[in-house]
N, C-alpha and C. Protein backbone atom coordinates (compact mmCIF):
# COMPACT_ATOMS: atom_id res chain seq x y z
N MET A 1 45.82 -2.52 -34.60
CA MET A 1 45.52 -3.61 -35.42
C MET A 1 45.78 -3.17 -36.84
N GLU A 2 46.43 -4.16 -37.57
CA GLU A 2 46.79 -3.99 -38.94
C GLU A 2 45.73 -4.14 -39.82
N GLU A 3 45.55 -3.31 -40.81
CA GLU A 3 44.50 -3.50 -41.87
C GLU A 3 44.98 -4.37 -43.06
N GLU A 4 44.25 -5.43 -43.21
CA GLU A 4 44.57 -6.26 -44.30
C GLU A 4 43.99 -6.03 -45.67
N ILE A 5 44.83 -5.74 -46.57
CA ILE A 5 44.45 -5.33 -47.95
C ILE A 5 44.54 -6.50 -48.88
N LYS A 6 43.32 -6.75 -49.58
CA LYS A 6 43.21 -7.82 -50.61
C LYS A 6 43.27 -7.36 -51.87
N ILE A 7 44.06 -7.95 -52.74
CA ILE A 7 43.99 -7.53 -54.28
C ILE A 7 43.52 -8.73 -55.02
N ASP A 8 42.61 -8.27 -56.01
CA ASP A 8 41.97 -9.34 -56.71
C ASP A 8 42.95 -9.72 -57.82
N ASP A 9 42.69 -10.79 -58.55
CA ASP A 9 43.61 -11.32 -59.57
C ASP A 9 43.74 -10.46 -60.80
N LYS A 10 42.56 -9.67 -61.10
CA LYS A 10 42.66 -8.88 -62.32
C LYS A 10 43.44 -7.69 -61.98
N PHE A 11 43.40 -7.14 -60.89
CA PHE A 11 44.38 -6.05 -60.37
C PHE A 11 45.82 -6.38 -60.52
N LYS A 12 46.04 -7.60 -59.94
CA LYS A 12 47.52 -8.12 -59.90
C LYS A 12 48.02 -8.39 -61.34
N SER A 13 47.15 -8.96 -62.17
CA SER A 13 47.70 -9.27 -63.50
C SER A 13 47.88 -8.01 -64.23
N ALA A 14 46.99 -7.00 -64.10
CA ALA A 14 47.22 -5.75 -64.76
C ALA A 14 48.46 -4.89 -64.40
N PHE A 15 48.56 -4.98 -63.02
CA PHE A 15 49.75 -4.42 -62.45
C PHE A 15 51.23 -5.06 -63.03
N ASN A 16 51.15 -6.35 -63.04
CA ASN A 16 52.28 -7.16 -63.54
C ASN A 16 52.41 -6.88 -64.95
N LEU A 17 51.51 -6.78 -65.66
CA LEU A 17 51.45 -6.45 -67.29
C LEU A 17 52.08 -5.03 -67.54
N GLY A 18 51.67 -4.08 -66.76
CA GLY A 18 52.28 -2.80 -66.77
C GLY A 18 53.71 -2.72 -66.32
N TYR A 19 54.06 -3.44 -65.35
CA TYR A 19 55.35 -3.56 -64.92
C TYR A 19 56.36 -4.12 -66.05
N ARG A 20 55.75 -5.33 -66.64
CA ARG A 20 56.67 -5.91 -67.73
C ARG A 20 56.70 -5.05 -68.95
N ILE A 21 55.69 -4.43 -69.28
CA ILE A 21 55.75 -3.52 -70.51
C ILE A 21 56.76 -2.38 -70.38
N ALA A 22 56.73 -1.92 -69.07
CA ALA A 22 57.78 -0.76 -68.83
C ALA A 22 59.21 -1.27 -68.78
N GLU A 23 59.34 -2.35 -68.35
CA GLU A 23 60.66 -3.19 -68.21
C GLU A 23 61.17 -3.65 -69.73
N GLU A 24 60.28 -4.16 -70.54
CA GLU A 24 60.59 -4.38 -71.91
C GLU A 24 60.90 -3.09 -72.75
N LEU A 25 60.09 -2.01 -72.48
CA LEU A 25 60.44 -0.85 -73.26
C LEU A 25 61.46 0.01 -72.51
N ASP A 26 61.95 -0.33 -71.39
CA ASP A 26 62.93 0.32 -70.70
C ASP A 26 62.67 1.82 -70.45
N LEU A 27 61.34 1.98 -70.05
CA LEU A 27 60.85 3.40 -69.69
C LEU A 27 61.57 3.99 -68.69
N LYS A 28 61.73 5.34 -68.88
CA LYS A 28 62.27 6.25 -67.90
C LYS A 28 61.34 7.14 -67.33
N THR A 29 60.24 7.55 -68.18
CA THR A 29 59.22 8.28 -67.61
C THR A 29 57.89 7.70 -68.26
N LEU A 30 56.94 8.07 -67.56
CA LEU A 30 55.69 7.56 -67.96
C LEU A 30 55.14 8.03 -69.35
N ILE A 31 54.55 7.25 -70.14
CA ILE A 31 54.15 7.43 -71.45
C ILE A 31 53.18 8.72 -71.65
N PHE A 32 52.05 8.63 -70.81
CA PHE A 32 51.04 9.55 -71.07
C PHE A 32 51.17 10.76 -70.24
N GLU A 33 50.73 11.93 -70.80
CA GLU A 33 50.66 13.19 -70.06
C GLU A 33 49.61 13.12 -69.08
N ASN A 34 49.55 13.88 -68.16
CA ASN A 34 48.47 13.95 -67.12
C ASN A 34 48.26 12.71 -66.55
N GLN A 35 49.29 11.80 -66.32
CA GLN A 35 49.02 10.59 -65.85
C GLN A 35 48.72 10.51 -64.25
N GLU A 36 48.90 11.59 -63.70
CA GLU A 36 48.64 11.61 -62.16
C GLU A 36 47.03 11.43 -61.97
N LYS A 37 46.28 11.80 -63.03
CA LYS A 37 44.74 11.64 -62.89
C LYS A 37 44.44 10.23 -63.22
N LEU A 38 45.16 9.51 -64.07
CA LEU A 38 44.87 8.07 -64.27
C LEU A 38 45.45 7.05 -63.32
N MET A 39 46.54 7.33 -62.87
CA MET A 39 47.24 6.33 -61.98
C MET A 39 46.46 5.86 -60.94
N PRO A 40 45.81 6.47 -60.11
CA PRO A 40 45.26 5.94 -58.85
C PRO A 40 44.16 4.81 -59.20
N THR A 41 43.63 4.96 -60.50
CA THR A 41 42.61 4.12 -60.79
C THR A 41 42.94 2.92 -61.74
N ASN A 42 44.12 3.14 -62.44
CA ASN A 42 44.61 2.16 -63.47
C ASN A 42 45.74 1.31 -62.93
N PRO A 43 45.66 0.13 -62.70
CA PRO A 43 46.84 -0.89 -62.04
C PRO A 43 47.91 -0.98 -63.22
N MET A 44 47.66 -0.82 -64.37
CA MET A 44 48.76 -0.93 -65.25
C MET A 44 49.70 0.18 -65.24
N HIS A 45 49.05 1.36 -65.11
CA HIS A 45 49.88 2.54 -64.73
C HIS A 45 50.67 2.52 -63.50
N LEU A 46 50.08 1.82 -62.49
CA LEU A 46 50.77 1.77 -61.25
C LEU A 46 51.97 0.84 -61.46
N GLY A 47 51.75 -0.33 -62.21
CA GLY A 47 52.95 -1.26 -62.46
C GLY A 47 54.03 -0.41 -63.27
N MET A 48 53.71 0.34 -64.20
CA MET A 48 54.67 1.14 -64.97
C MET A 48 55.53 2.06 -63.94
N LYS A 49 54.64 2.71 -63.07
CA LYS A 49 55.24 3.79 -62.20
C LYS A 49 56.35 2.94 -61.34
N GLN A 50 55.87 1.69 -60.67
CA GLN A 50 56.64 1.01 -59.91
C GLN A 50 58.12 0.64 -60.60
N PHE A 51 57.98 0.13 -61.92
CA PHE A 51 59.23 0.05 -62.58
C PHE A 51 60.15 1.15 -62.71
N ILE A 52 59.47 2.29 -63.09
CA ILE A 52 60.32 3.49 -63.26
C ILE A 52 60.84 3.97 -61.79
N ASP A 53 60.14 3.82 -60.86
CA ASP A 53 60.65 4.24 -59.48
C ASP A 53 61.80 3.37 -59.10
N GLU A 54 61.78 2.08 -59.41
CA GLU A 54 62.87 1.09 -59.10
C GLU A 54 64.01 1.29 -59.91
N ALA A 55 63.69 1.57 -61.21
CA ALA A 55 64.84 1.88 -62.17
C ALA A 55 65.74 3.20 -61.72
N LYS A 56 64.99 4.19 -61.33
CA LYS A 56 65.71 5.30 -60.90
C LYS A 56 66.53 5.10 -59.67
N LEU A 57 65.91 4.35 -58.74
CA LEU A 57 66.66 3.91 -57.45
C LEU A 57 67.91 3.05 -57.80
N SER A 58 67.76 2.14 -58.68
CA SER A 58 68.79 1.37 -59.11
C SER A 58 70.01 2.14 -59.72
N LYS A 59 69.62 3.10 -60.52
CA LYS A 59 70.65 3.95 -61.28
C LYS A 59 71.32 4.76 -60.25
N LYS A 60 70.67 5.30 -59.31
CA LYS A 60 71.28 6.11 -58.27
C LYS A 60 72.28 5.40 -57.43
N LYS A 61 71.86 4.16 -57.15
CA LYS A 61 72.63 3.13 -56.27
C LYS A 61 73.82 2.94 -57.18
N ARG A 62 73.77 2.60 -58.51
CA ARG A 62 74.98 2.38 -59.22
C ARG A 62 75.92 3.49 -59.47
N LEU A 63 75.23 4.83 -59.33
CA LEU A 63 76.00 6.07 -59.59
C LEU A 63 76.87 6.29 -58.33
N ASP A 64 76.18 6.13 -57.13
CA ASP A 64 76.89 6.26 -55.84
C ASP A 64 78.02 5.36 -55.67
N LYS A 65 77.78 4.03 -56.11
CA LYS A 65 79.00 3.13 -55.96
C LYS A 65 80.13 3.42 -56.92
N SER A 66 79.72 3.99 -58.13
CA SER A 66 80.84 4.41 -59.01
C SER A 66 81.62 5.55 -58.48
N LEU A 67 80.97 6.46 -57.85
CA LEU A 67 81.62 7.64 -57.20
C LEU A 67 82.46 7.19 -56.06
N ASP A 68 82.01 6.37 -55.28
CA ASP A 68 82.92 5.84 -54.21
C ASP A 68 84.07 5.14 -54.74
N GLN A 69 83.99 4.32 -55.82
CA GLN A 69 85.18 3.62 -56.48
C GLN A 69 86.09 4.67 -56.95
N LYS A 70 85.71 5.78 -57.54
CA LYS A 70 86.67 6.68 -58.12
C LYS A 70 87.40 7.47 -56.91
N ARG A 71 86.73 7.70 -55.85
CA ARG A 71 87.39 8.32 -54.64
C ARG A 71 88.42 7.35 -54.17
N GLU A 72 88.18 6.11 -54.16
CA GLU A 72 89.10 5.20 -53.64
C GLU A 72 90.32 5.21 -54.50
N GLN A 73 90.15 5.19 -55.83
CA GLN A 73 91.20 5.21 -56.73
C GLN A 73 92.09 6.36 -56.61
N ARG A 74 91.55 7.50 -56.42
CA ARG A 74 92.16 8.87 -56.34
C ARG A 74 93.09 8.70 -55.07
N THR A 75 92.64 8.18 -53.98
CA THR A 75 93.43 8.17 -52.67
C THR A 75 94.55 7.00 -52.92
N LYS A 76 94.30 5.99 -53.70
CA LYS A 76 95.35 5.05 -53.85
C LYS A 76 96.47 5.55 -54.71
N TRP A 77 96.15 6.37 -55.69
CA TRP A 77 97.33 7.00 -56.54
C TRP A 77 98.12 7.90 -55.86
N LYS A 78 97.59 8.56 -54.79
CA LYS A 78 98.42 9.59 -54.01
C LYS A 78 99.20 8.95 -52.97
N ARG A 79 99.09 7.79 -52.45
CA ARG A 79 99.55 7.18 -51.26
C ARG A 79 101.05 6.89 -51.68
N GLY A 80 102.00 7.28 -50.72
CA GLY A 80 103.31 7.20 -50.76
C GLY A 80 104.15 7.97 -51.65
N LYS A 81 103.60 8.91 -52.22
CA LYS A 81 104.26 9.96 -53.10
C LYS A 81 104.41 11.14 -52.34
N GLY A 82 105.74 11.62 -52.49
CA GLY A 82 106.11 12.95 -51.98
C GLY A 82 105.63 14.14 -52.71
N LEU A 83 106.23 15.14 -52.51
CA LEU A 83 105.96 16.49 -53.13
C LEU A 83 106.41 16.42 -54.52
N GLY A 84 107.35 15.62 -54.93
CA GLY A 84 107.76 15.59 -56.35
C GLY A 84 108.64 16.54 -56.76
N LEU A 85 109.44 17.04 -55.66
CA LEU A 85 110.55 18.08 -55.95
C LEU A 85 111.60 17.58 -56.71
């Protein structure tokens, strides 16, 4: 049996605000030190953390795609060429 989790409107609006702030500031890491102690209780920090995690994942995907394209280009340049003697 699945447990149903209900989120109140205050939590949702604070979470979304934190996400939008992090997006606007283009945060790469959390602002405050020792944020691990604050995050479980503060929905705004959770929203910021969500944005940072998504940004890291997106960057990794772009990097992987870029590396794949470079590999393809290297193999295309070598096709049909002999030893060059």
